[in-house]
């Protein structure tokens, strides 16, 4: 399946596979390519639940202060409100799929795509519009 669009966000590739428009707002599905050691800062969503699945590589998931491995092909559900992140703990680039419910959050990635990583103030501001809080 080809992505609907490919974004470059803070040095990582995000392939948007299903948009909220395609699912009548029910969900979005993205695939994030992450370099070794990469992943977003810990954060929480006030509006979305996320379900993660490792497609390639080795990843760990942080949920409310505890790290755990996610074996390739298994799923991990993180409800809205949980503080979480993921890390590529392998030695090669990895791919992690993320089902986001309801849809719409993929627009956050589009809005921050052109913002340099040293402008966290702007990224935090945009995140706030999406109910996203970073725990830096």
C-alpha atoms as a PDB file:
ATOM      1  CA  UNK A   1       0.000   0.000   0.000  1.00  0.00           C
ATOM      2  CA  UNK A   2       1.380   3.383  -0.988  1.00  0.00           C
ATOM      3  CA  UNK A   3       1.122   6.299   1.444  1.00  0.00           C
ATOM      4  CA  UNK A   4      -1.419   9.021   0.810  1.00  0.00           C
ATOM      5  CA  UNK A   5       1.349  11.480   1.682  1.00  0.00           C
ATOM      6  CA  UNK A   6       4.861  11.389   3.085  1.00  0.00           C
ATOM      7  CA  UNK A   7       6.002  14.006   5.566  1.00  0.00           C
ATOM      8  CA  UNK A   8       9.401  14.816   7.063  1.00  0.00           C
ATOM      9  CA  UNK A   9       8.830  15.781  10.687  1.00  0.00           C
ATOM     10  CA  UNK A  10      11.752  16.644  12.970  1.00  0.00           C
ATOM     11  CA  UNK A  11      14.074  14.437  10.943  1.00  0.00           C
ATOM     12  CA  UNK A  12      11.780  11.412  10.768  1.00  0.00           C
ATOM     13  CA  UNK A  13       9.664  10.184   7.886  1.00  0.00           C
ATOM     14  CA  UNK A  14       5.935   9.855   8.479  1.00  0.00           C
ATOM     15  CA  UNK A  15       3.887   8.055   5.846  1.00  0.00           C
ATOM     16  CA  UNK A  16       0.202   8.848   6.193  1.00  0.00           C
ATOM     17  CA  UNK A  17      -1.531   5.668   5.061  1.00  0.00           C
ATOM     18  CA  UNK A  18      -5.144   6.456   6.055  1.00  0.00           C
ATOM     19  CA  UNK A  19      -6.435   9.974   6.701  1.00  0.00           C
ATOM     20  CA  UNK A  20      -9.398  10.934   8.838  1.00  0.00           C
ATOM     21  CA  UNK A  21     -11.165  12.024   5.636  1.00  0.00           C
ATOM     22  CA  UNK A  22     -10.815   8.500   4.229  1.00  0.00           C
ATOM     23  CA  UNK A  23     -12.313   6.968   7.404  1.00  0.00           C
ATOM     24  CA  UNK A  24     -15.122   9.491   7.916  1.00  0.00           C
ATOM     25  CA  UNK A  25     -13.232  10.780  10.975  1.00  0.00           C
ATOM     26  CA  UNK A  26     -12.955   7.374  12.663  1.00  0.00           C
ATOM     27  CA  UNK A  27      -9.165   6.987  12.515  1.00  0.00           C
ATOM     28  CA  UNK A  28      -5.865   7.802  10.907  1.00  0.00           C
ATOM     29  CA  UNK A  29      -3.032   5.340  10.307  1.00  0.00           C
ATOM     30  CA  UNK A  30       0.590   6.425   9.972  1.00  0.00           C
ATOM     31  CA  UNK A  31       3.887   4.602   9.583  1.00  0.00           C
ATOM     32  CA  UNK A  32       6.859   6.361  11.154  1.00  0.00           C
ATOM     33  CA  UNK A  33      10.412   5.531  10.091  1.00  0.00           C
ATOM     34  CA  UNK A  34      12.677   6.110  13.071  1.00  0.00           C
ATOM     35  CA  UNK A  35      16.470   6.098  13.256  1.00  0.00           C
ATOM     36  CA  UNK A  36      18.274   4.237  16.074  1.00  0.00           C
ATOM     37  CA  UNK A  37      17.638   6.108  19.322  1.00  0.00           C
ATOM     38  CA  UNK A  38      14.838   8.095  17.706  1.00  0.00           C
ATOM     39  CA  UNK A  39      11.255   8.703  18.708  1.00  0.00           C
ATOM     40  CA  UNK A  40       9.170  11.590  20.016  1.00  0.00           C
ATOM     41  CA  UNK A  41       9.529  13.133  23.476  1.00  0.00           C
ATOM     42  CA  UNK A  42       7.151  11.785  26.142  1.00  0.00           C
ATOM     43  CA  UNK A  43       3.710  13.254  25.587  1.00  0.00           C
ATOM     44  CA  UNK A  44       0.006  12.749  26.159  1.00  0.00           C
ATOM     45  CA  UNK A  45      -3.072  13.201  24.032  1.00  0.00           C
ATOM     46  CA  UNK A  46      -6.303  14.492  25.501  1.00  0.00           C
ATOM     47  CA  UNK A  47      -8.410  13.489  22.470  1.00  0.00           C
ATOM     48  CA  UNK A  48      -6.890  10.411  20.856  1.00  0.00           C
ATOM     49  CA  UNK A  49      -6.149   6.812  21.705  1.00  0.00           C
ATOM     50  CA  UNK A  50      -3.193   5.211  19.910  1.00  0.00           C
ATOM     51  CA  UNK A  51      -2.456   1.631  18.982  1.00  0.00           C
ATOM     52  CA  UNK A  52       1.155   0.847  18.039  1.00  0.00           C
ATOM     53  CA  UNK A  53       2.580  -2.061  16.075  1.00  0.00           C
ATOM     54  CA  UNK A  54       6.217  -2.644  15.155  1.00  0.00           C
ATOM     55  CA  UNK A  55       6.638  -3.292  11.443  1.00  0.00           C
ATOM     56  CA  UNK A  56      10.450  -3.354  11.240  1.00  0.00           C
ATOM     57  CA  UNK A  57      13.194  -3.087  13.832  1.00  0.00           C
ATOM     58  CA  UNK A  58      13.278  -3.088  17.627  1.00  0.00           C
ATOM     59  CA  UNK A  59      11.205  -0.690  19.718  1.00  0.00           C
ATOM     60  CA  UNK A  60      10.424  -0.015  23.338  1.00  0.00           C
ATOM     61  CA  UNK A  61       7.352   1.815  24.526  1.00  0.00           C
ATOM     62  CA  UNK A  62       7.130   4.083  27.559  1.00  0.00           C
ATOM     63  CA  UNK A  63       3.759   4.198  29.279  1.00  0.00           C
ATOM     64  CA  UNK A  64       3.295   6.138  32.509  1.00  0.00           C
ATOM     65  CA  UNK A  65       6.942   5.781  33.539  1.00  0.00           C
ATOM     66  CA  UNK A  66       7.538   2.120  32.574  1.00  0.00           C
ATOM     67  CA  UNK A  67       9.421   0.919  29.491  1.00  0.00           C
ATOM     68  CA  UNK A  68       8.495  -2.332  27.742  1.00  0.00           C
ATOM     69  CA  UNK A  69       9.500  -4.035  24.521  1.00  0.00           C
ATOM     70  CA  UNK A  70       6.996  -4.371  21.707  1.00  0.00           C
ATOM     71  CA  UNK A  71       7.750  -7.471  19.647  1.00  0.00           C
ATOM     72  CA  UNK A  72       7.360  -7.133  15.884  1.00  0.00           C
ATOM     73  CA  UNK A  73       3.772  -7.792  14.829  1.00  0.00           C
ATOM     74  CA  UNK A  74       2.232  -7.332  18.282  1.00  0.00           C
ATOM     75  CA  UNK A  75       0.005  -4.414  19.237  1.00  0.00           C
ATOM     76  CA  UNK A  76       0.087  -2.008  22.172  1.00  0.00           C
ATOM     77  CA  UNK A  77      -2.935   0.154  22.986  1.00  0.00           C
ATOM     78  CA  UNK A  78      -2.378   3.452  24.807  1.00  0.00           C
ATOM     79  CA  UNK A  79      -5.481   5.342  25.887  1.00  0.00           C
ATOM     80  CA  UNK A  80      -5.780   9.106  25.767  1.00  0.00           C
ATOM     81  CA  UNK A  81      -4.363  10.735  28.866  1.00  0.00           C
ATOM     82  CA  UNK A  82      -1.480   8.283  29.269  1.00  0.00           C
ATOM     83  CA  UNK A  83       2.026   9.764  29.175  1.00  0.00           C
ATOM     84  CA  UNK A  84       3.907   7.764  26.565  1.00  0.00           C
ATOM     85  CA  UNK A  85       6.525   7.611  23.836  1.00  0.00           C
ATOM     86  CA  UNK A  86       8.475   5.053  21.845  1.00  0.00           C
ATOM     87  CA  UNK A  87      12.160   4.551  21.036  1.00  0.00           C
ATOM     88  CA  UNK A  88      13.941   2.657  18.311  1.00  0.00           C
ATOM     89  CA  UNK A  89      16.321   0.603  20.467  1.00  0.00           C
ATOM     90  CA  UNK A  90      17.807  -1.268  17.510  1.00  0.00           C
ATOM     91  CA  UNK A  91      20.882  -0.528  15.419  1.00  0.00           C
ATOM     92  CA  UNK A  92      19.046   0.078  12.124  1.00  0.00           C
ATOM     93  CA  UNK A  93      16.152   2.318  11.074  1.00  0.00           C
ATOM     94  CA  UNK A  94      12.815   0.898  12.163  1.00  0.00           C
ATOM     95  CA  UNK A  95       9.172   1.355  11.231  1.00  0.00           C
ATOM     96  CA  UNK A  96       6.302   1.612  13.670  1.00  0.00           C
ATOM     97  CA  UNK A  97       2.645   1.785  12.665  1.00  0.00           C
ATOM     98  CA  UNK A  98       0.261   3.939  14.679  1.00  0.00           C
ATOM     99  CA  UNK A  99      -3.539   3.756  14.544  1.00  0.00           C
ATOM    100  CA  UNK A 100      -4.901   7.049  15.892  1.00  0.00           C
ATOM    101  CA  UNK A 101      -8.543   7.161  16.986  1.00  0.00           C
ATOM    102  CA  UNK A 102     -10.430   9.263  16.281  1.00  0.00           C
ATOM    103  CA  UNK A 103      -8.762  10.637  13.179  1.00  0.00           C
ATOM    104  CA  UNK A 104      -7.540  14.185  12.666  1.00  0.00           C
ATOM    105  CA  UNK A 105      -4.243  14.152  14.532  1.00  0.00           C
ATOM    106  CA  UNK A 106      -2.354  13.509  11.296  1.00  0.00           C
ATOM    107  CA  UNK A 107      -2.956  17.216  10.606  1.00  0.00           C
ATOM    108  CA  UNK A 108      -0.602  18.052  13.512  1.00  0.00           C
ATOM    109  CA  UNK A 109       2.271  16.449  11.590  1.00  0.00           C
ATOM    110  CA  UNK A 110       1.366  18.452   8.492  1.00  0.00           C
ATOM    111  CA  UNK A 111       1.341  21.700  10.471  1.00  0.00           C
ATOM    112  CA  UNK A 112       4.747  21.158  12.098  1.00  0.00           C
ATOM    113  CA  UNK A 113       6.513  19.644   9.074  1.00  0.00           C
ATOM    114  CA  UNK A 114       8.196  22.911   8.076  1.00  0.00           C
ATOM    115  CA  UNK A 115       9.076  24.034  11.616  1.00  0.00           C
ATOM    116  CA  UNK A 116      12.746  23.542  12.614  1.00  0.00           C
ATOM    117  CA  UNK A 117      13.391  21.415  15.707  1.00  0.00           C
ATOM    118  CA  UNK A 118      14.945  24.365  17.543  1.00  0.00           C
ATOM    119  CA  UNK A 119      11.589  26.186  17.511  1.00  0.00           C
ATOM    120  CA  UNK A 120       9.950  24.070  20.223  1.00  0.00           C
ATOM    121  CA  UNK A 121       7.851  27.039  21.342  1.00  0.00           C
ATOM    122  CA  UNK A 122       5.938  26.943  18.036  1.00  0.00           C
ATOM    123  CA  UNK A 123       5.677  23.136  18.068  1.00  0.00           C
ATOM    124  CA  UNK A 124       4.299  23.222  21.621  1.00  0.00           C
ATOM    125  CA  UNK A 125       1.821  25.930  20.631  1.00  0.00           C
ATOM    126  CA  UNK A 126       0.525  23.926  17.670  1.00  0.00           C
ATOM    127  CA  UNK A 127       0.422  20.786  19.808  1.00  0.00           C
ATOM    128  CA  UNK A 128      -1.802  22.624  22.263  1.00  0.00           C
ATOM    129  CA  UNK A 129      -4.350  23.207  19.502  1.00  0.00           C
ATOM    130  CA  UNK A 130      -4.523  19.436  19.102  1.00  0.00           C
ATOM    131  CA  UNK A 131      -4.804  18.667  22.827  1.00  0.00           C
ATOM    132  CA  UNK A 132      -1.202  17.439  22.899  1.00  0.00           C
ATOM    133  CA  UNK A 133       1.044  18.058  25.895  1.00  0.00           C
ATOM    134  CA  UNK A 134       4.771  17.300  25.765  1.00  0.00           C
ATOM    135  CA  UNK A 135       6.580  16.215  28.949  1.00  0.00           C
ATOM    136  CA  UNK A 136      10.064  17.542  28.237  1.00  0.00           C
END
